Amino acid sequence: EILGALMSMIIVWMVTGVLTYLACMRLLHPDYDIDATVMLITSACAVLSNILLSVILHQTGHSHSHGAPAREHMPAPLEKPALSNASLRAAFVHVMGDLFQSVSVLISALIIFFKPQYKIADPICTFVFSIFVLATTITILRDILTVLMEGR
């Protein structure tokens, strides 16, 4: 479980690093073309997929029915809250990062679609996404390293 979470975080950080590098290259060499239509379709599909995945992952861990009467809706005393598992939390953060990136790409695609001269929106959105992802994964990485180092 913990090694899976660590691998997920390493992959997220590696992908973020590659995307940041590519964004820097686009700023340094602005002679690139962007097909905004393909970018719009792809990012819209990614947004929908990530919303579905985040809902599925967030529902994992619930052991009760949302249609149950109020008196039967009480969780068991020893029930773990949703996303208490480190691997599940890492997967959820991974999907939320992907969702944020997809929304970022969708926004930049809309900007580029209507105003092609503003193609700089693509690398700017990548930088914003990268900062967000690194900030949200720090606490999970700290938890993972605490477990791996047998900390308290």
N, C-alpha and C. Protein backbone atom coordinates (compact mmCIF):
# COMPACT_ATOMS: atom_id res chain seq x y z
N GLU A 1 0.82 -1.19 0.00
CA GLU A 1 0.00 0.00 0.00
C GLU A 1 0.86 1.25 0.00
N ILE A 2 1.82 1.31 0.90
CA ILE A 2 2.63 2.52 1.04
C ILE A 2 3.59 2.68 -0.13
N LEU A 3 4.10 1.58 -0.65
CA LEU A 3 4.99 1.66 -1.81
C LEU A 3 4.21 2.09 -3.06
N GLY A 4 2.97 1.64 -3.17
CA GLY A 4 2.12 2.08 -4.28
C GLY A 4 1.87 3.58 -4.21
N ALA A 5 1.62 4.07 -3.00
CA ALA A 5 1.41 5.51 -2.81
C ALA A 5 2.68 6.28 -3.16
N LEU A 6 3.84 5.76 -2.75
CA LEU A 6 5.11 6.40 -3.06
C LEU A 6 5.34 6.44 -4.57
N MET A 7 5.06 5.34 -5.25
CA MET A 7 5.22 5.30 -6.70
C MET A 7 4.30 6.31 -7.38
N SER A 8 3.07 6.42 -6.89
CA SER A 8 2.13 7.38 -7.46
C SER A 8 2.67 8.80 -7.31
N MET A 9 3.21 9.13 -6.14
CA MET A 9 3.74 10.47 -5.93
C MET A 9 4.98 10.72 -6.79
N ILE A 10 5.83 9.72 -6.94
CA ILE A 10 7.03 9.88 -7.78
C ILE A 10 6.61 10.13 -9.22
N ILE A 11 5.62 9.38 -9.70
CA ILE A 11 5.14 9.57 -11.07
C ILE A 11 4.56 10.97 -11.25
N VAL A 12 3.76 11.42 -10.27
CA VAL A 12 3.18 12.76 -10.35
C VAL A 12 4.28 13.81 -10.43
N TRP A 13 5.31 13.68 -9.61
CA TRP A 13 6.39 14.67 -9.60
C TRP A 13 7.20 14.61 -10.90
N MET A 14 7.41 13.41 -11.43
CA MET A 14 8.15 13.28 -12.70
C MET A 14 7.37 13.92 -13.85
N VAL A 15 6.09 13.63 -13.94
CA VAL A 15 5.27 14.20 -15.01
C VAL A 15 5.22 15.72 -14.87
N THR A 16 5.09 16.20 -13.64
CA THR A 16 5.07 17.65 -13.41
C THR A 16 6.39 18.28 -13.85
N GLY A 17 7.49 17.61 -13.56
CA GLY A 17 8.81 18.11 -13.99
C GLY A 17 8.93 18.18 -15.51
N VAL A 18 8.47 17.15 -16.19
CA VAL A 18 8.52 17.14 -17.66
C VAL A 18 7.64 18.25 -18.23
N LEU A 19 6.43 18.39 -17.69
CA LEU A 19 5.53 19.43 -18.19
C LEU A 19 6.10 20.84 -17.95
N THR A 20 6.75 21.03 -16.80
CA THR A 20 7.36 22.33 -16.51
C THR A 20 8.51 22.60 -17.47
N TYR A 21 9.32 21.58 -17.75
CA TYR A 21 10.42 21.73 -18.71
C TYR A 21 9.88 22.11 -20.09
N LEU A 22 8.83 21.41 -20.54
CA LEU A 22 8.24 21.70 -21.85
C LEU A 22 7.64 23.11 -21.89
N ALA A 23 7.04 23.54 -20.78
CA ALA A 23 6.50 24.91 -20.72
C ALA A 23 7.63 25.94 -20.82
N CYS A 24 8.74 25.67 -20.17
CA CYS A 24 9.90 26.57 -20.26
C CYS A 24 10.41 26.64 -21.71
N MET A 25 10.45 25.49 -22.38
CA MET A 25 10.89 25.46 -23.78
C MET A 25 9.94 26.27 -24.66
N ARG A 26 8.65 26.22 -24.37
CA ARG A 26 7.68 27.00 -25.16
C ARG A 26 7.86 28.50 -24.92
N LEU A 27 8.25 28.87 -23.71
CA LEU A 27 8.49 30.29 -23.44
C LEU A 27 9.77 30.76 -24.13
N LEU A 28 10.79 29.90 -24.15
CA LEU A 28 12.07 30.26 -24.77
C LEU A 28 12.00 30.24 -26.30
N HIS A 29 11.18 29.36 -26.84
CA HIS A 29 11.07 29.20 -28.30
C HIS A 29 9.59 29.32 -28.69
N PRO A 30 9.08 30.53 -28.81
CA PRO A 30 7.64 30.74 -29.03
C PRO A 30 7.15 30.47 -30.46
N ASP A 31 7.93 29.80 -31.27
CA ASP A 31 7.54 29.54 -32.66
C ASP A 31 6.83 28.18 -32.82
N TYR A 32 5.96 27.84 -31.90
CA TYR A 32 5.23 26.57 -31.95
C TYR A 32 3.78 26.83 -32.34
N ASP A 33 3.14 25.79 -32.87
CA ASP A 33 1.73 25.87 -33.24
C ASP A 33 0.91 25.00 -32.30
N ILE A 34 -0.30 25.45 -32.01
CA ILE A 34 -1.22 24.69 -31.16
C ILE A 34 -2.53 24.52 -31.91
N ASP A 35 -3.01 23.27 -31.99
CA ASP A 35 -4.32 22.99 -32.58
C ASP A 35 -5.34 23.09 -31.45
N ALA A 36 -5.98 24.24 -31.33
CA ALA A 36 -6.88 24.52 -30.21
C ALA A 36 -8.10 23.60 -30.22
N THR A 37 -8.56 23.18 -31.39
CA THR A 37 -9.74 22.30 -31.45
C THR A 37 -9.43 20.95 -30.82
N VAL A 38 -8.31 20.37 -31.19
CA VAL A 38 -7.90 19.08 -30.61
C VAL A 38 -7.65 19.24 -29.12
N MET A 39 -7.06 20.35 -28.75
CA MET A 39 -6.78 20.63 -27.33
C MET A 39 -8.09 20.74 -26.54
N LEU A 40 -9.10 21.38 -27.13
CA LEU A 40 -10.41 21.51 -26.47
C LEU A 40 -11.08 20.16 -26.28
N ILE A 41 -11.11 19.36 -27.31
CA ILE A 41 -11.77 18.05 -27.24
C ILE A 41 -11.06 17.14 -26.24
N THR A 42 -9.75 17.09 -26.32
CA THR A 42 -8.97 16.24 -25.42
C THR A 42 -9.12 16.66 -23.97
N SER A 43 -9.01 17.95 -23.71
CA SER A 43 -9.10 18.42 -22.32
C SER A 43 -10.51 18.26 -21.76
N ALA A 44 -11.54 18.44 -22.59
CA ALA A 44 -12.92 18.24 -22.12
C ALA A 44 -13.15 16.78 -21.74
N CYS A 45 -12.66 15.85 -22.56
CA CYS A 45 -12.77 14.42 -22.23
C CYS A 45 -12.00 14.10 -20.94
N ALA A 46 -10.83 14.70 -20.78
CA ALA A 46 -10.04 14.46 -19.58
C ALA A 46 -10.74 15.00 -18.34
N VAL A 47 -11.35 16.17 -18.44
CA VAL A 47 -12.09 16.75 -17.31
C VAL A 47 -13.21 15.81 -16.89
N LEU A 48 -13.99 15.34 -17.85
CA LEU A 48 -15.10 14.44 -17.53
C LEU A 48 -14.60 13.13 -16.92
N SER A 49 -13.54 12.56 -17.46
CA SER A 49 -12.98 11.31 -16.93
C SER A 49 -12.47 11.49 -15.51
N ASN A 50 -11.78 12.59 -15.26
CA ASN A 50 -11.23 12.82 -13.92
C ASN A 50 -12.30 13.13 -12.90
N ILE A 51 -13.38 13.78 -13.31
CA ILE A 51 -14.49 14.01 -12.39
C ILE A 51 -15.10 12.66 -11.99
N LEU A 52 -15.31 11.80 -12.97
CA LEU A 52 -15.85 10.46 -12.70
C LEU A 52 -14.92 9.67 -11.77
N LEU A 53 -13.63 9.67 -12.06
CA LEU A 53 -12.67 8.95 -11.21
C LEU A 53 -12.62 9.52 -9.79
N SER A 54 -12.67 10.84 -9.65
CA SER A 54 -12.62 11.42 -8.31
C SER A 54 -13.85 11.07 -7.50
N VAL A 55 -15.02 11.03 -8.15
CA VAL A 55 -16.24 10.63 -7.45
C VAL A 55 -16.13 9.17 -7.00
N ILE A 56 -15.65 8.31 -7.88
CA ILE A 56 -15.49 6.89 -7.55
C ILE A 56 -14.51 6.71 -6.40
N LEU A 57 -13.35 7.38 -6.47
CA LEU A 57 -12.35 7.23 -5.41
C LEU A 57 -12.84 7.82 -4.09
N HIS A 58 -13.57 8.92 -4.14
CA HIS A 58 -14.05 9.53 -2.91
C HIS A 58 -15.12 8.67 -2.25
N GLN A 59 -15.89 7.93 -3.04
CA GLN A 59 -16.93 7.06 -2.49
C GLN A 59 -16.34 5.80 -1.88
N THR A 60 -15.14 5.41 -2.28
CA THR A 60 -14.50 4.22 -1.73
C THR A 60 -14.24 4.45 -0.25
N GLY A 61 -14.62 3.48 0.56
CA GLY A 61 -14.42 3.62 2.00
C GLY A 61 -15.72 3.83 2.74
N HIS A 62 -16.78 4.19 2.04
CA HIS A 62 -18.09 4.32 2.68
C HIS A 62 -18.72 2.93 2.78
N SER A 63 -19.20 2.55 3.93
CA SER A 63 -19.81 1.23 4.08
C SER A 63 -21.30 1.32 4.30
N HIS A 64 -21.89 2.49 4.11
CA HIS A 64 -23.32 2.64 4.34
C HIS A 64 -23.99 3.10 3.06
N SER A 65 -25.28 2.99 3.01
CA SER A 65 -26.06 3.39 1.85
C SER A 65 -26.55 4.82 2.06
N HIS A 66 -26.44 5.62 1.02
CA HIS A 66 -26.93 6.99 1.13
C HIS A 66 -28.44 7.07 1.06
N GLY A 67 -29.09 5.96 0.74
CA GLY A 67 -30.54 5.94 0.69
C GLY A 67 -31.16 5.38 1.96
N ALA A 68 -30.35 5.08 2.96
CA ALA A 68 -30.84 4.48 4.21
C ALA A 68 -31.55 5.53 5.06
N PRO A 69 -32.53 5.09 5.88
CA PRO A 69 -33.17 6.03 6.80
C PRO A 69 -32.14 6.60 7.78
N ALA A 70 -32.46 7.74 8.37
CA ALA A 70 -31.52 8.46 9.24
C ALA A 70 -31.02 7.60 10.40
N ARG A 71 -31.88 6.79 11.01
CA ARG A 71 -31.45 6.02 12.18
C ARG A 71 -30.48 4.90 11.80
N GLU A 72 -30.51 4.46 10.53
CA GLU A 72 -29.61 3.41 10.08
C GLU A 72 -28.37 3.98 9.40
N HIS A 73 -28.27 5.28 9.34
CA HIS A 73 -27.19 5.95 8.63
C HIS A 73 -25.94 6.13 9.51
N MET A 74 -25.99 5.69 10.75
CA MET A 74 -24.88 5.87 11.67
C MET A 74 -23.74 4.94 11.28
N PRO A 75 -22.50 5.46 11.13
CA PRO A 75 -21.38 4.59 10.80
C PRO A 75 -20.98 3.74 12.01
N ALA A 76 -20.37 2.62 11.72
CA ALA A 76 -19.87 1.75 12.79
C ALA A 76 -18.75 2.47 13.52
N PRO A 77 -18.59 2.25 14.83
CA PRO A 77 -17.58 2.98 15.60
C PRO A 77 -16.16 2.78 15.08
N LEU A 78 -15.84 1.61 14.55
CA LEU A 78 -14.48 1.34 14.10
C LEU A 78 -14.30 1.59 12.61
N GLU A 79 -15.30 2.15 11.96
CA GLU A 79 -15.21 2.39 10.52
C GLU A 79 -14.15 3.46 10.23
N LYS A 80 -13.29 3.17 9.25
CA LYS A 80 -12.29 4.15 8.84
C LYS A 80 -12.97 5.17 7.93
N PRO A 81 -12.61 6.45 8.05
CA PRO A 81 -13.19 7.44 7.15
C PRO A 81 -12.70 7.21 5.72
N ALA A 82 -13.47 7.71 4.77
CA ALA A 82 -13.05 7.60 3.37
C ALA A 82 -11.69 8.25 3.20
N LEU A 83 -10.89 7.69 2.35
CA LEU A 83 -9.55 8.17 2.01
C LEU A 83 -8.58 8.10 3.19
N SER A 84 -8.80 7.18 4.15
CA SER A 84 -7.86 7.04 5.26
C SER A 84 -6.66 6.21 4.84
N ASN A 85 -6.79 5.39 3.85
CA ASN A 85 -5.74 4.56 3.33
C ASN A 85 -4.77 5.45 2.53
N ALA A 86 -3.46 5.34 2.79
CA ALA A 86 -2.47 6.22 2.14
C ALA A 86 -2.46 6.04 0.64
N SER A 87 -2.59 4.81 0.19
CA SER A 87 -2.60 4.55 -1.25
C SER A 87 -3.83 5.15 -1.91
N LEU A 88 -4.96 5.04 -1.25
CA LEU A 88 -6.20 5.61 -1.77
C LEU A 88 -6.12 7.14 -1.78
N ARG A 89 -5.56 7.71 -0.72
CA ARG A 89 -5.38 9.17 -0.67
C ARG A 89 -4.46 9.63 -1.79
N ALA A 90 -3.37 8.88 -2.02
CA ALA A 90 -2.42 9.23 -3.08
C ALA A 90 -3.10 9.16 -4.44
N ALA A 91 -3.90 8.13 -4.65
CA ALA A 91 -4.62 7.99 -5.92
C ALA A 91 -5.61 9.14 -6.09
N PHE A 92 -6.30 9.51 -5.00
CA PHE A 92 -7.27 10.60 -5.06
C PHE A 92 -6.57 11.92 -5.38
N VAL A 93 -5.44 12.17 -4.73
CA VAL A 93 -4.69 13.41 -5.00
C VAL A 93 -4.17 13.39 -6.44
N HIS A 94 -3.75 12.23 -6.90
CA HIS A 94 -3.28 12.08 -8.28
C HIS A 94 -4.40 12.46 -9.25
N VAL A 95 -5.59 11.93 -9.02
CA VAL A 95 -6.73 12.23 -9.89
C VAL A 95 -7.12 13.70 -9.78
N MET A 96 -7.09 14.26 -8.57
CA MET A 96 -7.43 15.67 -8.41
C MET A 96 -6.41 16.56 -9.13
N GLY A 97 -5.14 16.17 -9.07
CA GLY A 97 -4.10 16.90 -9.81
C GLY A 97 -4.34 16.82 -11.31
N ASP A 98 -4.70 15.63 -11.78
CA ASP A 98 -5.03 15.47 -13.20
C ASP A 98 -6.26 16.30 -13.57
N LEU A 99 -7.24 16.33 -12.68
CA LEU A 99 -8.44 17.13 -12.93
C LEU A 99 -8.08 18.61 -13.04
N PHE A 100 -7.27 19.08 -12.10
CA PHE A 100 -6.87 20.48 -12.13
C PHE A 100 -6.09 20.79 -13.40
N GLN A 101 -5.21 19.88 -13.79
CA GLN A 101 -4.44 20.06 -15.02
C GLN A 101 -5.37 20.09 -16.23
N SER A 102 -6.34 19.19 -16.26
CA SER A 102 -7.29 19.13 -17.38
C SER A 102 -8.10 20.41 -17.48
N VAL A 103 -8.55 20.92 -16.34
CA VAL A 103 -9.29 22.19 -16.33
C VAL A 103 -8.37 23.32 -16.81
N SER A 104 -7.13 23.30 -16.37
CA SER A 104 -6.15 24.30 -16.78
C SER A 104 -5.94 24.26 -18.30
N VAL A 105 -5.80 23.05 -18.83
CA VAL A 105 -5.63 22.90 -20.28
C VAL A 105 -6.89 23.34 -21.02
N LEU A 106 -8.05 23.02 -20.46
CA LEU A 106 -9.32 23.43 -21.07
C LEU A 106 -9.43 24.95 -21.13
N ILE A 107 -9.05 25.61 -20.04
CA ILE A 107 -9.10 27.08 -20.00
C ILE A 107 -8.14 27.67 -21.03
N SER A 108 -6.91 27.15 -21.05
CA SER A 108 -5.94 27.68 -22.01
C SER A 108 -6.37 27.37 -23.44
N ALA A 109 -7.01 26.20 -23.67
CA ALA A 109 -7.49 25.85 -25.01
C ALA A 109 -8.60 26.82 -25.45
N LEU A 110 -9.48 27.18 -24.51
CA LEU A 110 -10.53 28.15 -24.84
C LEU A 110 -9.93 29.51 -25.19
N ILE A 111 -8.94 29.91 -24.41
CA ILE A 111 -8.28 31.20 -24.69
C ILE A 111 -7.63 31.15 -26.06
N ILE A 112 -6.89 30.09 -26.35
CA ILE A 112 -6.18 29.97 -27.62
C ILE A 112 -7.16 29.81 -28.79
N PHE A 113 -8.27 29.11 -28.55
CA PHE A 113 -9.26 28.91 -29.61
C PHE A 113 -9.85 30.25 -30.07
N PHE A 114 -10.18 31.12 -29.09
CA PHE A 114 -10.79 32.39 -29.44
C PHE A 114 -9.77 33.49 -29.72
N LYS A 115 -8.59 33.39 -29.14
CA LYS A 115 -7.53 34.39 -29.34
C LYS A 115 -6.20 33.66 -29.57
N PRO A 116 -5.95 33.19 -30.80
CA PRO A 116 -4.73 32.41 -31.07
C PRO A 116 -3.43 33.14 -30.72
N GLN A 117 -3.45 34.46 -30.73
CA GLN A 117 -2.23 35.21 -30.41
C GLN A 117 -1.85 35.10 -28.92
N TYR A 118 -2.77 34.58 -28.09
CA TYR A 118 -2.49 34.41 -26.66
C TYR A 118 -2.07 32.98 -26.34
N LYS A 119 -1.30 32.36 -27.21
CA LYS A 119 -0.88 30.97 -26.97
C LYS A 119 0.06 30.84 -25.76
N ILE A 120 0.51 31.95 -25.23
CA ILE A 120 1.33 31.92 -24.01
C ILE A 120 0.51 31.41 -22.81
N ALA A 121 -0.81 31.39 -22.96
CA ALA A 121 -1.67 30.87 -21.89
C ALA A 121 -1.35 29.41 -21.57
N ASP A 122 -0.90 28.66 -22.57
CA ASP A 122 -0.58 27.25 -22.36
C ASP A 122 0.56 27.06 -21.35
N PRO A 123 1.74 27.66 -21.55
CA PRO A 123 2.80 27.47 -20.54
C PRO A 123 2.47 28.11 -19.19
N ILE A 124 1.73 29.21 -19.19
CA ILE A 124 1.38 29.84 -17.92
C ILE A 124 0.48 28.91 -17.10
N CYS A 125 -0.51 28.29 -17.74
CA CYS A 125 -1.38 27.35 -17.04
C CYS A 125 -0.59 26.13 -16.55
N THR A 126 0.41 25.74 -17.31
CA THR A 126 1.26 24.62 -16.87
C THR A 126 2.01 24.98 -15.60
N PHE A 127 2.53 26.19 -15.51
CA PHE A 127 3.24 26.61 -14.29
C PHE A 127 2.31 26.65 -13.09
N VAL A 128 1.10 27.18 -13.28
CA VAL A 128 0.13 27.24 -12.19
C VAL A 128 -0.22 25.83 -11.73
N PHE A 129 -0.46 24.94 -12.68
CA PHE A 129 -0.76 23.55 -12.36
C PHE A 129 0.39 22.89 -11.58
N SER A 130 1.61 23.13 -12.00
CA SER A 130 2.77 22.52 -11.36
C SER A 130 2.90 22.95 -9.90
N ILE A 131 2.71 24.21 -9.64
CA ILE A 131 2.77 24.71 -8.27
C ILE A 131 1.68 24.07 -7.42
N PHE A 132 0.46 23.98 -7.97
CA PHE A 132 -0.66 23.37 -7.26
C PHE A 132 -0.36 21.91 -6.91
N VAL A 133 0.12 21.15 -7.89
CA VAL A 133 0.38 19.73 -7.68
C VAL A 133 1.47 19.52 -6.63
N LEU A 134 2.55 20.26 -6.73
CA LEU A 134 3.63 20.10 -5.76
C LEU A 134 3.16 20.47 -4.35
N ALA A 135 2.36 21.50 -4.24
CA ALA A 135 1.86 21.92 -2.92
C ALA A 135 0.92 20.88 -2.32
N THR A 136 0.08 20.26 -3.15
CA THR A 136 -0.89 19.30 -2.61
C THR A 136 -0.28 17.94 -2.32
N THR A 137 0.85 17.63 -2.90
CA THR A 137 1.44 16.31 -2.67
C THR A 137 2.46 16.29 -1.54
N ILE A 138 2.86 17.41 -1.06
CA ILE A 138 3.87 17.47 0.01
C ILE A 138 3.40 16.72 1.26
N THR A 139 2.15 16.94 1.69
CA THR A 139 1.69 16.29 2.93
C THR A 139 1.58 14.78 2.78
N ILE A 140 1.14 14.33 1.61
CA ILE A 140 1.06 12.87 1.40
C ILE A 140 2.46 12.28 1.35
N LEU A 141 3.38 12.96 0.68
CA LEU A 141 4.76 12.47 0.63
C LEU A 141 5.36 12.42 2.04
N ARG A 142 5.07 13.42 2.86
CA ARG A 142 5.55 13.42 4.24
C ARG A 142 4.99 12.21 5.01
N ASP A 143 3.69 11.94 4.85
CA ASP A 143 3.07 10.79 5.50
C ASP A 143 3.69 9.48 5.05
N ILE A 144 3.94 9.37 3.76
CA ILE A 144 4.54 8.15 3.21
C ILE A 144 5.94 7.96 3.78
N LEU A 145 6.73 9.01 3.80
CA LEU A 145 8.10 8.90 4.32
C LEU A 145 8.11 8.61 5.81
N THR A 146 7.14 9.13 6.55
CA THR A 146 7.03 8.81 7.97
C THR A 146 6.80 7.33 8.19
N VAL A 147 5.90 6.75 7.40
CA VAL A 147 5.64 5.32 7.51
C VAL A 147 6.86 4.51 7.12
N LEU A 148 7.50 4.89 6.01
CA LEU A 148 8.67 4.15 5.53
C LEU A 148 9.85 4.23 6.51
N MET A 149 9.96 5.36 7.19
CA MET A 149 11.06 5.54 8.15
C MET A 149 10.66 5.09 9.57
N GLU A 150 9.47 4.48 9.67
CA GLU A 150 8.95 3.98 10.95
C GLU A 150 8.89 5.08 12.00
N GLY A 151 8.41 6.24 11.57
CA GLY A 151 8.26 7.36 12.50
C GLY A 151 6.94 7.26 13.24
N ARG A 152 6.74 8.18 14.17
CA ARG A 152 5.48 8.20 14.93
C ARG A 152 4.54 9.20 14.36
